[in-house]
Amino acid sequence: MEYTDQMKNRVKRIEGQVKAILRMMEEEKDCKDLVVQLSAARNALDRTIGLVVSTNLEHCVREQIEKGEDTEQFIQEAVNLLVKSR
């Protein structure tokens, strides 16, 4: 699968968030502020997972349709990946 610049940029932003979280911990910032940032990073990861899975699913389904083959397996795998990621 080809990972787009959009996907890579999302991960780079998350990397920045995680570094900021670590810095907050080292500076012994307030727990509530830390949890807010952790939650934001987790949400960003969840959205990125959704983007990667949906983009891959679309690609695989298109290929299967072009071949005249069934797409149910790919859809089920995508759903399983999303469920597992939670």
PDB file of N, CA and C in Angstrom:
ATOM      1  N   MET A   1       0.826  -1.174   0.000  1.00  0.00           N
ATOM      2  CA  MET A   1       0.000   0.000   0.000  1.00  0.00           C
ATOM      3  C   MET A   1       0.872   1.238   0.000  1.00  0.00           C
ATOM      4  N   GLU A   2       0.445   2.218  -0.723  1.00  0.00           N
ATOM      5  CA  GLU A   2       1.149   3.499  -0.750  1.00  0.00           C
ATOM      6  C   GLU A   2       0.572   4.399   0.337  1.00  0.00           C
ATOM      7  N   TYR A   3       1.436   4.907   1.189  1.00  0.00           N
ATOM      8  CA  TYR A   3       1.000   5.812   2.247  1.00  0.00           C
ATOM      9  C   TYR A   3       1.174   7.247   1.757  1.00  0.00           C
ATOM     10  N   THR A   4       0.099   8.004   1.814  1.00  0.00           N
ATOM     11  CA  THR A   4       0.089   9.353   1.260  1.00  0.00           C
ATOM     12  C   THR A   4       0.809  10.332   2.185  1.00  0.00           C
ATOM     13  N   ASP A   5       1.134  11.498   1.615  1.00  0.00           N
ATOM     14  CA  ASP A   5       1.735  12.558   2.427  1.00  0.00           C
ATOM     15  C   ASP A   5       0.788  12.977   3.546  1.00  0.00           C
ATOM     16  N   GLN A   6      -0.515  12.951   3.267  1.00  0.00           N
ATOM     17  CA  GLN A   6      -1.503  13.300   4.289  1.00  0.00           C
ATOM     18  C   GLN A   6      -1.379  12.359   5.488  1.00  0.00           C
ATOM     19  N   MET A   7      -1.252  11.064   5.222  1.00  0.00           N
ATOM     20  CA  MET A   7      -1.115  10.089   6.302  1.00  0.00           C
ATOM     21  C   MET A   7       0.179  10.323   7.079  1.00  0.00           C
ATOM     22  N   LYS A   8       1.255  10.525   6.359  1.00  0.00           N
ATOM     23  CA  LYS A   8       2.556  10.735   7.006  1.00  0.00           C
ATOM     24  C   LYS A   8       2.547  12.011   7.839  1.00  0.00           C
ATOM     25  N   ASN A   9       1.924  13.065   7.327  1.00  0.00           N
ATOM     26  CA  ASN A   9       1.849  14.319   8.075  1.00  0.00           C
ATOM     27  C   ASN A   9       1.055  14.160   9.360  1.00  0.00           C
ATOM     28  N   ARG A  10      -0.008  13.370   9.299  1.00  0.00           N
ATOM     29  CA  ARG A  10      -0.780  13.110  10.515  1.00  0.00           C
ATOM     30  C   ARG A  10       0.096  12.438  11.571  1.00  0.00           C
ATOM     31  N   VAL A  11       0.888  11.461  11.158  1.00  0.00           N
ATOM     32  CA  VAL A  11       1.746  10.749  12.104  1.00  0.00           C
ATOM     33  C   VAL A  11       2.826  11.691  12.649  1.00  0.00           C
ATOM     34  N   LYS A  12       3.341  12.562  11.818  1.00  0.00           N
ATOM     35  CA  LYS A  12       4.343  13.527  12.290  1.00  0.00           C
ATOM     36  C   LYS A  12       3.735  14.467  13.326  1.00  0.00           C
ATOM     37  N   ARG A  13       2.477  14.880  13.118  1.00  0.00           N
ATOM     38  CA  ARG A  13       1.804  15.730  14.098  1.00  0.00           C
ATOM     39  C   ARG A  13       1.612  14.987  15.419  1.00  0.00           C
ATOM     40  N   ILE A  14       1.244  13.719  15.310  1.00  0.00           N
ATOM     41  CA  ILE A  14       1.067  12.902  16.515  1.00  0.00           C
ATOM     42  C   ILE A  14       2.406  12.757  17.239  1.00  0.00           C
ATOM     43  N   GLU A  15       3.460  12.572  16.478  1.00  0.00           N
ATOM     44  CA  GLU A  15       4.797  12.475  17.074  1.00  0.00           C
ATOM     45  C   GLU A  15       5.107  13.748  17.874  1.00  0.00           C
ATOM     46  N   GLY A  16       4.763  14.889  17.326  1.00  0.00           N
ATOM     47  CA  GLY A  16       4.967  16.146  18.034  1.00  0.00           C
ATOM     48  C   GLY A  16       4.136  16.218  19.301  1.00  0.00           C
ATOM     49  N   GLN A  17       2.906  15.735  19.220  1.00  0.00           N
ATOM     50  CA  GLN A  17       2.048  15.709  20.411  1.00  0.00           C
ATOM     51  C   GLN A  17       2.655  14.826  21.501  1.00  0.00           C
ATOM     52  N   VAL A  18       3.158  13.670  21.115  1.00  0.00           N
ATOM     53  CA  VAL A  18       3.725  12.739  22.091  1.00  0.00           C
ATOM     54  C   VAL A  18       4.982  13.339  22.729  1.00  0.00           C
ATOM     55  N   LYS A  19       5.799  14.005  21.935  1.00  0.00           N
ATOM     56  CA  LYS A  19       6.990  14.666  22.498  1.00  0.00           C
ATOM     57  C   LYS A  19       6.580  15.756  23.488  1.00  0.00           C
ATOM     58  N   ALA A  20       5.532  16.483  23.150  1.00  0.00           N
ATOM     59  CA  ALA A  20       5.044  17.531  24.052  1.00  0.00           C
ATOM     60  C   ALA A  20       4.505  16.922  25.343  1.00  0.00           C
ATOM     61  N   ILE A  21       3.854  15.769  25.237  1.00  0.00           N
ATOM     62  CA  ILE A  21       3.350  15.079  26.425  1.00  0.00           C
ATOM     63  C   ILE A  21       4.503  14.663  27.322  1.00  0.00           C
ATOM     64  N   LEU A  22       5.532  14.111  26.736  1.00  0.00           N
ATOM     65  CA  LEU A  22       6.704  13.702  27.513  1.00  0.00           C
ATOM     66  C   LEU A  22       7.329  14.915  28.204  1.00  0.00           C
ATOM     67  N   ARG A  23       7.421  16.015  27.485  1.00  0.00           N
ATOM     68  CA  ARG A  23       7.967  17.242  28.059  1.00  0.00           C
ATOM     69  C   ARG A  23       7.099  17.709  29.248  1.00  0.00           C
ATOM     70  N   MET A  24       5.785  17.623  29.085  1.00  0.00           N
ATOM     71  CA  MET A  24       4.877  17.996  30.174  1.00  0.00           C
ATOM     72  C   MET A  24       5.117  17.120  31.408  1.00  0.00           C
ATOM     73  N   MET A  25       5.348  15.836  31.175  1.00  0.00           N
ATOM     74  CA  MET A  25       5.607  14.926  32.287  1.00  0.00           C
ATOM     75  C   MET A  25       6.919  15.285  32.980  1.00  0.00           C
ATOM     76  N   GLU A  26       7.936  15.568  32.189  1.00  0.00           N
ATOM     77  CA  GLU A  26       9.232  15.932  32.754  1.00  0.00           C
ATOM     78  C   GLU A  26       9.144  17.234  33.543  1.00  0.00           C
ATOM     79  N   GLU A  27       8.250  18.122  33.115  1.00  0.00           N
ATOM     80  CA  GLU A  27       8.057  19.404  33.805  1.00  0.00           C
ATOM     81  C   GLU A  27       7.020  19.296  34.918  1.00  0.00           C
ATOM     82  N   GLU A  28       6.534  18.078  35.154  1.00  0.00           N
ATOM     83  CA  GLU A  28       5.557  17.784  36.192  1.00  0.00           C
ATOM     84  C   GLU A  28       4.324  18.685  36.106  1.00  0.00           C
ATOM     85  N   LYS A  29       3.793  18.802  34.901  1.00  0.00           N
ATOM     86  CA  LYS A  29       2.571  19.591  34.677  1.00  0.00           C
ATOM     87  C   LYS A  29       1.382  18.904  35.327  1.00  0.00           C
ATOM     88  N   ASP A  30       0.309  19.638  35.448  1.00  0.00           N
ATOM     89  CA  ASP A  30      -0.905  19.149  36.089  1.00  0.00           C
ATOM     90  C   ASP A  30      -1.465  17.924  35.362  1.00  0.00           C
ATOM     91  N   CYS A  31      -1.970  16.988  36.146  1.00  0.00           N
ATOM     92  CA  CYS A  31      -2.527  15.736  35.627  1.00  0.00           C
ATOM     93  C   CYS A  31      -3.641  15.994  34.607  1.00  0.00           C
ATOM     94  N   LYS A  32      -4.541  16.920  34.925  1.00  0.00           N
ATOM     95  CA  LYS A  32      -5.670  17.186  34.020  1.00  0.00           C
ATOM     96  C   LYS A  32      -5.181  17.654  32.653  1.00  0.00           C
ATOM     97  N   ASP A  33      -4.179  18.522  32.641  1.00  0.00           N
ATOM     98  CA  ASP A  33      -3.635  19.012  31.373  1.00  0.00           C
ATOM     99  C   ASP A  33      -2.978  17.879  30.585  1.00  0.00           C
ATOM    100  N   LEU A  34      -2.287  17.019  31.297  1.00  0.00           N
ATOM    101  CA  LEU A  34      -1.628  15.881  30.659  1.00  0.00           C
ATOM    102  C   LEU A  34      -2.652  14.930  30.038  1.00  0.00           C
ATOM    103  N   VAL A  35      -3.712  14.646  30.785  1.00  0.00           N
ATOM    104  CA  VAL A  35      -4.738  13.733  30.281  1.00  0.00           C
ATOM    105  C   VAL A  35      -5.431  14.321  29.050  1.00  0.00           C
ATOM    106  N   VAL A  36      -5.647  15.609  29.024  1.00  0.00           N
ATOM    107  CA  VAL A  36      -6.241  16.255  27.852  1.00  0.00           C
ATOM    108  C   VAL A  36      -5.349  16.031  26.630  1.00  0.00           C
ATOM    109  N   GLN A  37      -4.056  16.197  26.804  1.00  0.00           N
ATOM    110  CA  GLN A  37      -3.131  16.009  25.682  1.00  0.00           C
ATOM    111  C   GLN A  37      -3.017  14.542  25.270  1.00  0.00           C
ATOM    112  N   LEU A  38      -3.026  13.647  26.238  1.00  0.00           N
ATOM    113  CA  LEU A  38      -3.009  12.217  25.923  1.00  0.00           C
ATOM    114  C   LEU A  38      -4.256  11.821  25.139  1.00  0.00           C
ATOM    115  N   SER A  39      -5.376  12.346  25.551  1.00  0.00           N
ATOM    116  CA  SER A  39      -6.636  12.058  24.866  1.00  0.00           C
ATOM    117  C   SER A  39      -6.608  12.589  23.434  1.00  0.00           C
ATOM    118  N   ALA A  40      -6.065  13.778  23.255  1.00  0.00           N
ATOM    119  CA  ALA A  40      -5.970  14.358  21.913  1.00  0.00           C
ATOM    120  C   ALA A  40      -5.074  13.503  21.012  1.00  0.00           C
ATOM    121  N   ALA A  41      -3.966  13.015  21.558  1.00  0.00           N
ATOM    122  CA  ALA A  41      -3.064  12.161  20.780  1.00  0.00           C
ATOM    123  C   ALA A  41      -3.744  10.840  20.426  1.00  0.00           C
ATOM    124  N   ARG A  42      -4.469  10.277  21.379  1.00  0.00           N
ATOM    125  CA  ARG A  42      -5.182   9.022  21.115  1.00  0.00           C
ATOM    126  C   ARG A  42      -6.239   9.219  20.029  1.00  0.00           C
ATOM    127  N   ASN A  43      -6.972  10.304  20.099  1.00  0.00           N
ATOM    128  CA  ASN A  43      -7.981  10.593  19.080  1.00  0.00           C
ATOM    129  C   ASN A  43      -7.346  10.786  17.711  1.00  0.00           C
ATOM    130  N   ALA A  44      -6.211  11.449  17.680  1.00  0.00           N
ATOM    131  CA  ALA A  44      -5.507  11.642  16.411  1.00  0.00           C
ATOM    132  C   ALA A  44      -5.052  10.304  15.835  1.00  0.00           C
ATOM    133  N   LEU A  45      -4.574   9.418  16.693  1.00  0.00           N
ATOM    134  CA  LEU A  45      -4.191   8.075  16.243  1.00  0.00           C
ATOM    135  C   LEU A  45      -5.396   7.310  15.709  1.00  0.00           C
ATOM    136  N   ASP A  46      -6.507   7.393  16.418  1.00  0.00           N
ATOM    137  CA  ASP A  46      -7.724   6.701  15.970  1.00  0.00           C
ATOM    138  C   ASP A  46      -8.158   7.197  14.588  1.00  0.00           C
ATOM    139  N   ARG A  47      -8.122   8.500  14.390  1.00  0.00           N
ATOM    140  CA  ARG A  47      -8.515   9.052  13.085  1.00  0.00           C
ATOM    141  C   ARG A  47      -7.542   8.615  11.988  1.00  0.00           C
ATOM    142  N   THR A  48      -6.266   8.537  12.332  1.00  0.00           N
ATOM    143  CA  THR A  48      -5.269   8.100  11.352  1.00  0.00           C
ATOM    144  C   THR A  48      -5.464   6.627  11.001  1.00  0.00           C
ATOM    145  N   ILE A  49      -5.758   5.813  11.990  1.00  0.00           N
ATOM    146  CA  ILE A  49      -6.057   4.400  11.728  1.00  0.00           C
ATOM    147  C   ILE A  49      -7.244   4.292  10.777  1.00  0.00           C
ATOM    148  N   GLY A  50      -8.280   5.059  11.037  1.00  0.00           N
ATOM    149  CA  GLY A  50      -9.455   5.039  10.171  1.00  0.00           C
ATOM    150  C   GLY A  50      -9.118   5.428   8.750  1.00  0.00           C
ATOM    151  N   LEU A  51      -8.283   6.443   8.593  1.00  0.00           N
ATOM    152  CA  LEU A  51      -7.885   6.884   7.251  1.00  0.00           C
ATOM    153  C   LEU A  51      -7.092   5.801   6.531  1.00  0.00           C
ATOM    154  N   VAL A  52      -6.134   5.201   7.223  1.00  0.00           N
ATOM    155  CA  VAL A  52      -5.300   4.161   6.602  1.00  0.00           C
ATOM    156  C   VAL A  52      -6.155   2.955   6.208  1.00  0.00           C
ATOM    157  N   VAL A  53      -7.005   2.503   7.113  1.00  0.00           N
ATOM    158  CA  VAL A  53      -7.842   1.327   6.829  1.00  0.00           C
ATOM    159  C   VAL A  53      -8.819   1.622   5.689  1.00  0.00           C
ATOM    160  N   SER A  54      -9.465   2.776   5.726  1.00  0.00           N
ATOM    161  CA  SER A  54     -10.456   3.074   4.690  1.00  0.00           C
ATOM    162  C   SER A  54      -9.809   3.250   3.321  1.00  0.00           C
ATOM    163  N   THR A  55      -8.637   3.870   3.285  1.00  0.00           N
ATOM    164  CA  THR A  55      -7.935   4.045   2.009  1.00  0.00           C
ATOM    165  C   THR A  55      -7.521   2.696   1.446  1.00  0.00           C
ATOM    166  N   ASN A  56      -6.986   1.827   2.310  1.00  0.00           N
ATOM    167  CA  ASN A  56      -6.585   0.495   1.871  1.00  0.00           C
ATOM    168  C   ASN A  56      -7.795  -0.318   1.421  1.00  0.00           C
ATOM    169  N   LEU A  57      -8.893  -0.220   2.185  1.00  0.00           N
ATOM    170  CA  LEU A  57     -10.108  -0.950   1.829  1.00  0.00           C
ATOM    171  C   LEU A  57     -10.606  -0.512   0.461  1.00  0.00           C
ATOM    172  N   GLU A  58     -10.648   0.782   0.238  1.00  0.00           N
ATOM    173  CA  GLU A  58     -11.108   1.287  -1.061  1.00  0.00           C
ATOM    174  C   GLU A  58     -10.250   0.730  -2.195  1.00  0.00           C
ATOM    175  N   HIS A  59      -8.941   0.744  -2.000  1.00  0.00           N
ATOM    176  CA  HIS A  59      -8.015   0.233  -3.021  1.00  0.00           C
ATOM    177  C   HIS A  59      -8.266  -1.259  -3.280  1.00  0.00           C
ATOM    178  N   CYS A  60      -8.375  -2.041  -2.220  1.00  0.00           N
ATOM    179  CA  CYS A  60      -8.570  -3.487  -2.366  1.00  0.00           C
ATOM    180  C   CYS A  60      -9.921  -3.816  -3.008  1.00  0.00           C
ATOM    181  N   VAL A  61     -10.956  -3.105  -2.606  1.00  0.00           N
ATOM    182  CA  VAL A  61     -12.288  -3.356  -3.163  1.00  0.00           C
ATOM    183  C   VAL A  61     -12.300  -3.031  -4.651  1.00  0.00           C
ATOM    184  N   ARG A  62     -11.692  -1.918  -5.028  1.00  0.00           N
ATOM    185  CA  ARG A  62     -11.626  -1.564  -6.457  1.00  0.00           C
ATOM    186  C   ARG A  62     -10.917  -2.654  -7.261  1.00  0.00           C
ATOM    187  N   GLU A  63      -9.800  -3.153  -6.722  1.00  0.00           N
ATOM    188  CA  GLU A  63      -9.065  -4.221  -7.412  1.00  0.00           C
ATOM    189  C   GLU A  63      -9.918  -5.470  -7.567  1.00  0.00           C
ATOM    190  N   GLN A  64     -10.616  -5.854  -6.509  1.00  0.00           N
ATOM    191  CA  GLN A  64     -11.451  -7.054  -6.568  1.00  0.00           C
ATOM    192  C   GLN A  64     -12.593  -6.882  -7.564  1.00  0.00           C
ATOM    193  N   ILE A  65     -13.199  -5.717  -7.588  1.00  0.00           N
ATOM    194  CA  ILE A  65     -14.296  -5.464  -8.525  1.00  0.00           C
ATOM    195  C   ILE A  65     -13.782  -5.540  -9.957  1.00  0.00           C
ATOM    196  N   GLU A  66     -12.610  -4.967 -10.199  1.00  0.00           N
ATOM    197  CA  GLU A  66     -12.023  -5.024 -11.547  1.00  0.00           C
ATOM    198  C   GLU A  66     -11.756  -6.461 -11.974  1.00  0.00           C
ATOM    199  N   LYS A  67     -11.392  -7.321 -11.020  1.00  0.00           N
ATOM    200  CA  LYS A  67     -11.136  -8.731 -11.306  1.00  0.00           C
ATOM    201  C   LYS A  67     -12.435  -9.534 -11.375  1.00  0.00           C
ATOM    202  N   GLY A  68     -13.533  -8.913 -10.976  1.00  0.00           N
ATOM    203  CA  GLY A  68     -14.808  -9.617 -10.932  1.00  0.00           C
ATOM    204  C   GLY A  68     -14.929 -10.561  -9.758  1.00  0.00           C
ATOM    205  N   GLU A  69     -14.170 -10.297  -8.710  1.00  0.00           N
ATOM    206  CA  GLU A  69     -14.160 -11.169  -7.540  1.00  0.00           C
ATOM    207  C   GLU A  69     -14.928 -10.543  -6.383  1.00  0.00           C
ATOM    208  N   ASP A  70     -15.198 -11.361  -5.379  1.00  0.00           N
ATOM    209  CA  ASP A  70     -15.954 -10.964  -4.203  1.00  0.00           C
ATOM    210  C   ASP A  70     -15.139 -10.008  -3.327  1.00  0.00           C
ATOM    211  N   THR A  71     -15.804  -9.039  -2.719  1.00  0.00           N
ATOM    212  CA  THR A  71     -15.131  -8.053  -1.869  1.00  0.00           C
ATOM    213  C   THR A  71     -15.408  -8.265  -0.384  1.00  0.00           C
ATOM    214  N   GLU A  72     -16.250  -9.214  -0.055  1.00  0.00           N
ATOM    215  CA  GLU A  72     -16.677  -9.404   1.334  1.00  0.00           C
ATOM    216  C   GLU A  72     -15.507  -9.643   2.277  1.00  0.00           C
ATOM    217  N   GLN A  73     -14.516 -10.418   1.858  1.00  0.00           N
ATOM    218  CA  GLN A  73     -13.367 -10.729   2.706  1.00  0.00           C
ATOM    219  C   GLN A  73     -12.619  -9.458   3.101  1.00  0.00           C
ATOM    220  N   PHE A  74     -12.398  -8.558   2.149  1.00  0.00           N
ATOM    221  CA  PHE A  74     -11.664  -7.335   2.435  1.00  0.00           C
ATOM    222  C   PHE A  74     -12.441  -6.417   3.373  1.00  0.00           C
ATOM    223  N   ILE A  75     -13.738  -6.374   3.183  1.00  0.00           N
ATOM    224  CA  ILE A  75     -14.565  -5.540   4.051  1.00  0.00           C
ATOM    225  C   ILE A  75     -14.534  -6.090   5.474  1.00  0.00           C
ATOM    226  N   GLN A  76     -14.635  -7.398   5.628  1.00  0.00           N
ATOM    227  CA  GLN A  76     -14.589  -8.008   6.955  1.00  0.00           C
ATOM    228  C   GLN A  76     -13.230  -7.784   7.617  1.00  0.00           C
ATOM    229  N   GLU A  77     -12.144  -7.907   6.861  1.00  0.00           N
ATOM    230  CA  GLU A  77     -10.809  -7.654   7.411  1.00  0.00           C
ATOM    231  C   GLU A  77     -10.682  -6.213   7.892  1.00  0.00           C
ATOM    232  N   ALA A  78     -11.218  -5.272   7.123  1.00  0.00           N
ATOM    233  CA  ALA A  78     -11.156  -3.862   7.511  1.00  0.00           C
ATOM    234  C   ALA A  78     -11.932  -3.628   8.801  1.00  0.00           C
ATOM    235  N   VAL A  79     -13.107  -4.206   8.889  1.00  0.00           N
ATOM    236  CA  VAL A  79     -13.910  -4.066  10.112  1.00  0.00           C
ATOM    237  C   VAL A  79     -13.155  -4.665  11.298  1.00  0.00           C
ATOM    238  N   ASN A  80     -12.560  -5.823  11.106  1.00  0.00           N
ATOM    239  CA  ASN A  80     -11.801  -6.466  12.183  1.00  0.00           C
ATOM    240  C   ASN A  80     -10.616  -5.606  12.631  1.00  0.00           C
ATOM    241  N   LEU A  81      -9.928  -4.979  11.665  1.00  0.00           N
ATOM    242  CA  LEU A  81      -8.816  -4.100  12.016  1.00  0.00           C
ATOM    243  C   LEU A  81      -9.292  -2.916  12.855  1.00  0.00           C
ATOM    244  N   LEU A  82     -10.408  -2.341  12.461  1.00  0.00           N
ATOM    245  CA  LEU A  82     -10.938  -1.199  13.206  1.00  0.00           C
ATOM    246  C   LEU A  82     -11.361  -1.604  14.612  1.00  0.00           C
ATOM    247  N   VAL A  83     -11.990  -2.770  14.729  1.00  0.00           N
ATOM    248  CA  VAL A  83     -12.426  -3.248  16.038  1.00  0.00           C
ATOM    249  C   VAL A  83     -11.207  -3.543  16.913  1.00  0.00           C
ATOM    250  N   LYS A  84     -10.205  -4.178  16.345  1.00  0.00           N
ATOM    251  CA  LYS A  84      -8.994  -4.525  17.087  1.00  0.00           C
ATOM    252  C   LYS A  84      -8.264  -3.261  17.555  1.00  0.00           C
ATOM    253  N   SER A  85      -8.320  -2.189  16.773  1.00  0.00           N
ATOM    254  CA  SER A  85      -7.593  -0.971  17.121  1.00  0.00           C
ATOM    255  C   SER A  85      -8.203  -0.248  18.314  1.00  0.00           C
ATOM    256  N   ARG A  86      -9.397  -0.583  18.685  1.00  0.00           N
ATOM    257  CA  ARG A  86     -10.054   0.067  19.830  1.00  0.00           C
ATOM    258  C   ARG A  86      -9.717  -0.734  21.039  1.00  0.00           C
TER     259      ARG A  86
END
